[in-house]
Amino acid sequence: MVNKTVNTVNNIQDIFLNNARKNRTNLTVHLLNGFQIKGIVKGFDNFTVILECDENMMLIYKHSISTITPEKPIPFINN
């Protein structure tokens, strides 16, 4: 039962990040240390997100992310 819950949470993350990547949606990534990074998702895996910021790439560890705020709504359709 626990694994099913964990997979569901990961699916929501994957759907959100994948749709943000596909739509090239501008995001603000709020880190636990208070920093905010604005950019576009270029890729992600189970542990990291690659964000393009001002033509630079940043590898951000998911465990350091507090919140991700999209500039516009992101659909939660799994395609």
PDB file of N, CA and C in Angstrom:
ATOM      1  N   MET A   1       0.815  -1.196   0.000  1.00  0.00           N
ATOM      2  CA  MET A   1       0.000   0.000   0.000  1.00  0.00           C
ATOM      3  C   MET A   1       0.859   1.261   0.000  1.00  0.00           C
ATOM      4  N   VAL A   2       1.938   1.283   0.758  1.00  0.00           N
ATOM      5  CA  VAL A   2       2.799   2.458   0.819  1.00  0.00           C
ATOM      6  C   VAL A   2       3.424   2.731  -0.545  1.00  0.00           C
ATOM      7  N   ASN A   3       3.876   1.678  -1.229  1.00  0.00           N
ATOM      8  CA  ASN A   3       4.492   1.867  -2.536  1.00  0.00           C
ATOM      9  C   ASN A   3       3.527   2.492  -3.529  1.00  0.00           C
ATOM     10  N   LYS A   4       2.256   2.110  -3.466  1.00  0.00           N
ATOM     11  CA  LYS A   4       1.265   2.677  -4.367  1.00  0.00           C
ATOM     12  C   LYS A   4       1.133   4.180  -4.127  1.00  0.00           C
ATOM     13  N   THR A   5       1.126   4.596  -2.873  1.00  0.00           N
ATOM     14  CA  THR A   5       1.039   6.017  -2.542  1.00  0.00           C
ATOM     15  C   THR A   5       2.269   6.761  -3.041  1.00  0.00           C
ATOM     16  N   VAL A   6       3.444   6.210  -2.829  1.00  0.00           N
ATOM     17  CA  VAL A   6       4.682   6.845  -3.283  1.00  0.00           C
ATOM     18  C   VAL A   6       4.668   6.983  -4.797  1.00  0.00           C
ATOM     19  N   ASN A   7       4.255   5.948  -5.522  1.00  0.00           N
ATOM     20  CA  ASN A   7       4.193   6.008  -6.977  1.00  0.00           C
ATOM     21  C   ASN A   7       3.220   7.073  -7.450  1.00  0.00           C
ATOM     22  N   THR A   8       2.092   7.221  -6.772  1.00  0.00           N
ATOM     23  CA  THR A   8       1.117   8.234  -7.143  1.00  0.00           C
ATOM     24  C   THR A   8       1.712   9.625  -6.989  1.00  0.00           C
ATOM     25  N   VAL A   9       2.406   9.867  -5.888  1.00  0.00           N
ATOM     26  CA  VAL A   9       3.042  11.165  -5.669  1.00  0.00           C
ATOM     27  C   VAL A   9       4.077  11.426  -6.755  1.00  0.00           C
ATOM     28  N   ASN A  10       4.907  10.436  -7.069  1.00  0.00           N
ATOM     29  CA  ASN A  10       5.905  10.607  -8.120  1.00  0.00           C
ATOM     30  C   ASN A  10       5.241  10.854  -9.469  1.00  0.00           C
ATOM     31  N   ASN A  11       4.107  10.205  -9.724  1.00  0.00           N
ATOM     32  CA  ASN A  11       3.402  10.432 -10.973  1.00  0.00           C
ATOM     33  C   ASN A  11       2.940  11.873 -11.091  1.00  0.00           C
ATOM     34  N   ILE A  12       2.428  12.450 -10.014  1.00  0.00           N
ATOM     35  CA  ILE A  12       1.991  13.844 -10.039  1.00  0.00           C
ATOM     36  C   ILE A  12       3.182  14.750 -10.337  1.00  0.00           C
ATOM     37  N   GLN A  13       4.306  14.501  -9.699  1.00  0.00           N
ATOM     38  CA  GLN A  13       5.525  15.274  -9.981  1.00  0.00           C
ATOM     39  C   GLN A  13       5.911  15.144 -11.445  1.00  0.00           C
ATOM     40  N   ASP A  14       5.933  13.917 -11.942  1.00  0.00           N
ATOM     41  CA  ASP A  14       6.341  13.668 -13.322  1.00  0.00           C
ATOM     42  C   ASP A  14       5.401  14.347 -14.308  1.00  0.00           C
ATOM     43  N   ILE A  15       4.091  14.249 -14.070  1.00  0.00           N
ATOM     44  CA  ILE A  15       3.111  14.875 -14.958  1.00  0.00           C
ATOM     45  C   ILE A  15       3.302  16.389 -14.959  1.00  0.00           C
ATOM     46  N   PHE A  16       3.435  16.973 -13.771  1.00  0.00           N
ATOM     47  CA  PHE A  16       3.613  18.421 -13.642  1.00  0.00           C
ATOM     48  C   PHE A  16       4.878  18.875 -14.364  1.00  0.00           C
ATOM     49  N   LEU A  17       6.005  18.242 -14.051  1.00  0.00           N
ATOM     50  CA  LEU A  17       7.279  18.651 -14.643  1.00  0.00           C
ATOM     51  C   LEU A  17       7.322  18.384 -16.144  1.00  0.00           C
ATOM     52  N   ASN A  18       6.759  17.274 -16.585  1.00  0.00           N
ATOM     53  CA  ASN A  18       6.772  16.947 -18.007  1.00  0.00           C
ATOM     54  C   ASN A  18       5.921  17.934 -18.802  1.00  0.00           C
ATOM     55  N   ASN A  19       4.737  18.281 -18.284  1.00  0.00           N
ATOM     56  CA  ASN A  19       3.896  19.259 -18.975  1.00  0.00           C
ATOM     57  C   ASN A  19       4.540  20.642 -18.964  1.00  0.00           C
ATOM     58  N   ALA A  20       5.201  21.006 -17.874  1.00  0.00           N
ATOM     59  CA  ALA A  20       5.923  22.282 -17.827  1.00  0.00           C
ATOM     60  C   ALA A  20       7.046  22.286 -18.869  1.00  0.00           C
ATOM     61  N   ARG A  21       7.737  21.151 -19.006  1.00  0.00           N
ATOM     62  CA  ARG A  21       8.821  21.032 -19.991  1.00  0.00           C
ATOM     63  C   ARG A  21       8.276  21.125 -21.414  1.00  0.00           C
ATOM     64  N   LYS A  22       7.237  20.341 -21.705  1.00  0.00           N
ATOM     65  CA  LYS A  22       6.662  20.318 -23.054  1.00  0.00           C
ATOM     66  C   LYS A  22       6.130  21.687 -23.472  1.00  0.00           C
ATOM     67  N   ASN A  23       5.472  22.387 -22.540  1.00  0.00           N
ATOM     68  CA  ASN A  23       4.866  23.689 -22.842  1.00  0.00           C
ATOM     69  C   ASN A  23       5.841  24.847 -22.677  1.00  0.00           C
ATOM     70  N   ARG A  24       7.071  24.537 -22.257  1.00  0.00           N
ATOM     71  CA  ARG A  24       8.092  25.563 -22.018  1.00  0.00           C
ATOM     72  C   ARG A  24       7.556  26.677 -21.114  1.00  0.00           C
ATOM     73  N   THR A  25       6.882  26.254 -20.057  1.00  0.00           N
ATOM     74  CA  THR A  25       6.288  27.176 -19.095  1.00  0.00           C
ATOM     75  C   THR A  25       7.365  27.754 -18.185  1.00  0.00           C
ATOM     76  N   ASN A  26       7.377  29.063 -18.036  1.00  0.00           N
ATOM     77  CA  ASN A  26       8.293  29.700 -17.090  1.00  0.00           C
ATOM     78  C   ASN A  26       7.862  29.359 -15.672  1.00  0.00           C
ATOM     79  N   LEU A  27       8.836  28.978 -14.852  1.00  0.00           N
ATOM     80  CA  LEU A  27       8.579  28.591 -13.467  1.00  0.00           C
ATOM     81  C   LEU A  27       9.453  29.407 -12.532  1.00  0.00           C
ATOM     82  N   THR A  28       8.975  29.549 -11.300  1.00  0.00           N
ATOM     83  CA  THR A  28       9.824  30.033 -10.223  1.00  0.00           C
ATOM     84  C   THR A  28      10.009  28.871  -9.265  1.00  0.00           C
ATOM     85  N   VAL A  29      11.253  28.464  -9.069  1.00  0.00           N
ATOM     86  CA  VAL A  29      11.580  27.374  -8.148  1.00  0.00           C
ATOM     87  C   VAL A  29      12.043  28.010  -6.841  1.00  0.00           C
ATOM     88  N   HIS A  30      11.310  27.753  -5.766  1.00  0.00           N
ATOM     89  CA  HIS A  30      11.649  28.272  -4.442  1.00  0.00           C
ATOM     90  C   HIS A  30      12.444  27.195  -3.707  1.00  0.00           C
ATOM     91  N   LEU A  31      13.647  27.513  -3.305  1.00  0.00           N
ATOM     92  CA  LEU A  31      14.497  26.558  -2.594  1.00  0.00           C
ATOM     93  C   LEU A  31      14.313  26.685  -1.086  1.00  0.00           C
ATOM     94  N   LEU A  32      14.687  25.645  -0.372  1.00  0.00           N
ATOM     95  CA  LEU A  32      14.551  25.637   1.086  1.00  0.00           C
ATOM     96  C   LEU A  32      15.373  26.732   1.754  1.00  0.00           C
ATOM     97  N   ASN A  33      16.469  27.159   1.122  1.00  0.00           N
ATOM     98  CA  ASN A  33      17.321  28.199   1.706  1.00  0.00           C
ATOM     99  C   ASN A  33      16.816  29.612   1.416  1.00  0.00           C
ATOM    100  N   GLY A  34      15.657  29.721   0.732  1.00  0.00           N
ATOM    101  CA  GLY A  34      15.060  31.024   0.466  1.00  0.00           C
ATOM    102  C   GLY A  34      15.318  31.578  -0.923  1.00  0.00           C
ATOM    103  N   PHE A  35      16.284  31.018  -1.639  1.00  0.00           N
ATOM    104  CA  PHE A  35      16.563  31.490  -2.991  1.00  0.00           C
ATOM    105  C   PHE A  35      15.409  31.150  -3.917  1.00  0.00           C
ATOM    106  N   GLN A  36      15.212  31.994  -4.922  1.00  0.00           N
ATOM    107  CA  GLN A  36      14.233  31.746  -5.965  1.00  0.00           C
ATOM    108  C   GLN A  36      14.955  31.736  -7.300  1.00  0.00           C
ATOM    109  N   ILE A  37      14.667  30.727  -8.116  1.00  0.00           N
ATOM    110  CA  ILE A  37      15.293  30.597  -9.426  1.00  0.00           C
ATOM    111  C   ILE A  37      14.182  30.553 -10.462  1.00  0.00           C
ATOM    112  N   LYS A  38      14.280  31.410 -11.475  1.00  0.00           N
ATOM    113  CA  LYS A  38      13.279  31.443 -12.543  1.00  0.00           C
ATOM    114  C   LYS A  38      13.871  30.823 -13.793  1.00  0.00           C
ATOM    115  N   GLY A  39      13.069  29.971 -14.448  1.00  0.00           N
ATOM    116  CA  GLY A  39      13.554  29.343 -15.658  1.00  0.00           C
ATOM    117  C   GLY A  39      12.548  28.385 -16.251  1.00  0.00           C
ATOM    118  N   ILE A  40      13.036  27.584 -17.197  1.00  0.00           N
ATOM    119  CA  ILE A  40      12.224  26.610 -17.926  1.00  0.00           C
ATOM    120  C   ILE A  40      12.816  25.225 -17.699  1.00  0.00           C
ATOM    121  N   VAL A  41      11.971  24.245 -17.432  1.00  0.00           N
ATOM    122  CA  VAL A  41      12.419  22.862 -17.218  1.00  0.00           C
ATOM    123  C   VAL A  41      12.935  22.294 -18.536  1.00  0.00           C
ATOM    124  N   LYS A  42      14.160  21.812 -18.514  1.00  0.00           N
ATOM    125  CA  LYS A  42      14.745  21.158 -19.684  1.00  0.00           C
ATOM    126  C   LYS A  42      14.746  19.644 -19.531  1.00  0.00           C
ATOM    127  N   GLY A  43      14.711  19.159 -18.282  1.00  0.00           N
ATOM    128  CA  GLY A  43      14.694  17.731 -18.017  1.00  0.00           C
ATOM    129  C   GLY A  43      14.604  17.481 -16.524  1.00  0.00           C
ATOM    130  N   PHE A  44      14.345  16.222 -16.177  1.00  0.00           N
ATOM    131  CA  PHE A  44      14.246  15.853 -14.764  1.00  0.00           C
ATOM    132  C   PHE A  44      14.351  14.343 -14.639  1.00  0.00           C
ATOM    133  N   ASP A  45      14.705  13.894 -13.442  1.00  0.00           N
ATOM    134  CA  ASP A  45      14.677  12.471 -13.112  1.00  0.00           C
ATOM    135  C   ASP A  45      14.132  12.344 -11.694  1.00  0.00           C
ATOM    136  N   ASN A  46      14.360  11.204 -11.063  1.00  0.00           N
ATOM    137  CA  ASN A  46      13.814  10.989  -9.716  1.00  0.00           C
ATOM    138  C   ASN A  46      14.411  11.917  -8.666  1.00  0.00           C
ATOM    139  N   PHE A  47      15.603  12.440  -8.914  1.00  0.00           N
ATOM    140  CA  PHE A  47      16.305  13.207  -7.883  1.00  0.00           C
ATOM    141  C   PHE A  47      16.609  14.653  -8.256  1.00  0.00           C
ATOM    142  N   THR A  48      16.577  14.990  -9.543  1.00  0.00           N
ATOM    143  CA  THR A  48      17.007  16.319  -9.972  1.00  0.00           C
ATOM    144  C   THR A  48      16.068  16.935 -11.004  1.00  0.00           C
ATOM    145  N   VAL A  49      16.183  18.257 -11.143  1.00  0.00           N
ATOM    146  CA  VAL A  49      15.496  19.013 -12.193  1.00  0.00           C
ATOM    147  C   VAL A  49      16.561  19.862 -12.880  1.00  0.00           C
ATOM    148  N   ILE A  50      16.569  19.863 -14.208  1.00  0.00           N
ATOM    149  CA  ILE A  50      17.463  20.740 -14.954  1.00  0.00           C
ATOM    150  C   ILE A  50      16.636  21.934 -15.414  1.00  0.00           C
ATOM    151  N   LEU A  51      17.073  23.123 -15.012  1.00  0.00           N
ATOM    152  CA  LEU A  51      16.370  24.360 -15.305  1.00  0.00           C
ATOM    153  C   LEU A  51      17.253  25.235 -16.182  1.00  0.00           C
ATOM    154  N   GLU A  52      16.675  25.782 -17.258  1.00  0.00           N
ATOM    155  CA  GLU A  52      17.388  26.746 -18.093  1.00  0.00           C
ATOM    156  C   GLU A  52      17.049  28.142 -17.592  1.00  0.00           C
ATOM    157  N   CYS A  53      18.087  28.888 -17.187  1.00  0.00           N
ATOM    158  CA  CYS A  53      17.925  30.238 -16.646  1.00  0.00           C
ATOM    159  C   CYS A  53      18.874  31.163 -17.390  1.00  0.00           C
ATOM    160  N   ASP A  54      18.336  32.134 -18.104  1.00  0.00           N
ATOM    161  CA  ASP A  54      19.182  33.102 -18.818  1.00  0.00           C
ATOM    162  C   ASP A  54      20.266  32.411 -19.643  1.00  0.00           C
ATOM    163  N   GLU A  55      19.874  31.424 -20.429  1.00  0.00           N
ATOM    164  CA  GLU A  55      20.767  30.665 -21.311  1.00  0.00           C
ATOM    165  C   GLU A  55      21.797  29.820 -20.564  1.00  0.00           C
ATOM    166  N   ASN A  56      21.660  29.672 -19.256  1.00  0.00           N
ATOM    167  CA  ASN A  56      22.508  28.781 -18.457  1.00  0.00           C
ATOM    168  C   ASN A  56      21.669  27.606 -17.978  1.00  0.00           C
ATOM    169  N   MET A  57      22.310  26.474 -17.765  1.00  0.00           N
ATOM    170  CA  MET A  57      21.632  25.298 -17.228  1.00  0.00           C
ATOM    171  C   MET A  57      21.987  25.138 -15.759  1.00  0.00           C
ATOM    172  N   MET A  58      20.982  24.818 -14.951  1.00  0.00           N
ATOM    173  CA  MET A  58      21.215  24.568 -13.527  1.00  0.00           C
ATOM    174  C   MET A  58      20.648  23.202 -13.180  1.00  0.00           C
ATOM    175  N   LEU A  59      21.429  22.395 -12.483  1.00  0.00           N
ATOM    176  CA  LEU A  59      20.980  21.111 -11.967  1.00  0.00           C
ATOM    177  C   LEU A  59      20.581  21.343 -10.515  1.00  0.00           C
ATOM    178  N   ILE A  60      19.298  21.139 -10.221  1.00  0.00           N
ATOM    179  CA  ILE A  60      18.773  21.393  -8.878  1.00  0.00           C
ATOM    180  C   ILE A  60      18.306  20.068  -8.290  1.00  0.00           C
ATOM    181  N   TYR A  61      18.773  19.754  -7.100  1.00  0.00           N
ATOM    182  CA  TYR A  61      18.326  18.540  -6.429  1.00  0.00           C
ATOM    183  C   TYR A  61      16.922  18.753  -5.872  1.00  0.00           C
ATOM    184  N   LYS A  62      16.031  17.798  -6.129  1.00  0.00           N
ATOM    185  CA  LYS A  62      14.639  17.924  -5.689  1.00  0.00           C
ATOM    186  C   LYS A  62      14.519  18.079  -4.182  1.00  0.00           C
ATOM    187  N   HIS A  63      15.420  17.473  -3.414  1.00  0.00           N
ATOM    188  CA  HIS A  63      15.307  17.573  -1.957  1.00  0.00           C
ATOM    189  C   HIS A  63      15.580  18.990  -1.457  1.00  0.00           C
ATOM    190  N   SER A  64      16.110  19.864  -2.329  1.00  0.00           N
ATOM    191  CA  SER A  64      16.353  21.257  -1.929  1.00  0.00           C
ATOM    192  C   SER A  64      15.221  22.193  -2.359  1.00  0.00           C
ATOM    193  N   ILE A  65      14.209  21.652  -3.056  1.00  0.00           N
ATOM    194  CA  ILE A  65      13.095  22.467  -3.547  1.00  0.00           C
ATOM    195  C   ILE A  65      11.968  22.487  -2.520  1.00  0.00           C
ATOM    196  N   SER A  66      11.487  23.692  -2.244  1.00  0.00           N
ATOM    197  CA  SER A  66      10.331  23.868  -1.370  1.00  0.00           C
ATOM    198  C   SER A  66       9.049  23.887  -2.194  1.00  0.00           C
ATOM    199  N   THR A  67       9.010  24.757  -3.208  1.00  0.00           N
ATOM    200  CA  THR A  67       7.797  24.986  -3.995  1.00  0.00           C
ATOM    201  C   THR A  67       8.187  25.321  -5.425  1.00  0.00           C
ATOM    202  N   ILE A  68       7.325  24.931  -6.372  1.00  0.00           N
ATOM    203  CA  ILE A  68       7.485  25.351  -7.761  1.00  0.00           C
ATOM    204  C   ILE A  68       6.213  26.089  -8.156  1.00  0.00           C
ATOM    205  N   THR A  69       6.378  27.327  -8.620  1.00  0.00           N
ATOM    206  CA  THR A  69       5.233  28.149  -9.012  1.00  0.00           C
ATOM    207  C   THR A  69       5.301  28.412 -10.513  1.00  0.00           C
ATOM    208  N   PRO A  70       4.315  27.917 -11.276  1.00  0.00           N
ATOM    209  CA  PRO A  70       4.310  28.180 -12.716  1.00  0.00           C
ATOM    210  C   PRO A  70       3.775  29.583 -13.012  1.00  0.00           C
ATOM    211  N   GLU A  71       4.243  30.152 -14.126  1.00  0.00           N
ATOM    212  CA  GLU A  71       3.768  31.466 -14.555  1.00  0.00           C
ATOM    213  C   GLU A  71       2.313  31.400 -15.002  1.00  0.00           C
ATOM    214  N   LYS A  72       1.911  30.245 -15.562  1.00  0.00           N
ATOM    215  CA  LYS A  72       0.524  30.029 -15.980  1.00  0.00           C
ATOM    216  C   LYS A  72       0.135  28.619 -15.573  1.00  0.00           C
ATOM    217  N   PRO A  73      -1.155  28.323 -15.505  1.00  0.00           N
ATOM    218  CA  PRO A  73      -1.583  26.984 -15.071  1.00  0.00           C
ATOM    219  C   PRO A  73      -1.012  25.878 -15.964  1.00  0.00           C
ATOM    220  N   ILE A  74      -0.696  24.758 -15.326  1.00  0.00           N
ATOM    221  CA  ILE A  74      -0.176  23.586 -16.033  1.00  0.00           C
ATOM    222  C   ILE A  74      -1.230  22.489 -15.962  1.00  0.00           C
ATOM    223  N   PRO A  75      -1.644  21.948 -17.117  1.00  0.00           N
ATOM    224  CA  PRO A  75      -2.659  20.885 -17.101  1.00  0.00           C
ATOM    225  C   PRO A  75      -2.117  19.602 -16.473  1.00  0.00           C
ATOM    226  N   PHE A  76      -2.978  18.905 -15.757  1.00  0.00           N
ATOM    227  CA  PHE A  76      -2.589  17.631 -15.141  1.00  0.00           C
ATOM    228  C   PHE A  76      -3.151  16.477 -15.952  1.00  0.00           C
ATOM    229  N   ILE A  77      -2.818  16.462 -17.233  1.00  0.00           N
ATOM    230  CA  ILE A  77      -3.246  15.389 -18.122  1.00  0.00           C
ATOM    231  C   ILE A  77      -2.033  14.524 -18.382  1.00  0.00           C
ATOM    232  N   ASN A  78      -2.169  13.226 -18.139  1.00  0.00           N
ATOM    233  CA  ASN A  78      -1.054  12.299 -18.327  1.00  0.00           C
ATOM    234  C   ASN A  78      -1.035  11.824 -19.769  1.00  0.00           C
ATOM    235  N   ASN A  79      -0.151  12.434 -20.595  1.00  0.00           N
ATOM    236  CA  ASN A  79      -0.042  11.992 -21.982  1.00  0.00           C
ATOM    237  C   ASN A  79       1.371  11.668 -22.324  1.00  0.00           C
TER     238      ASN A  79
END
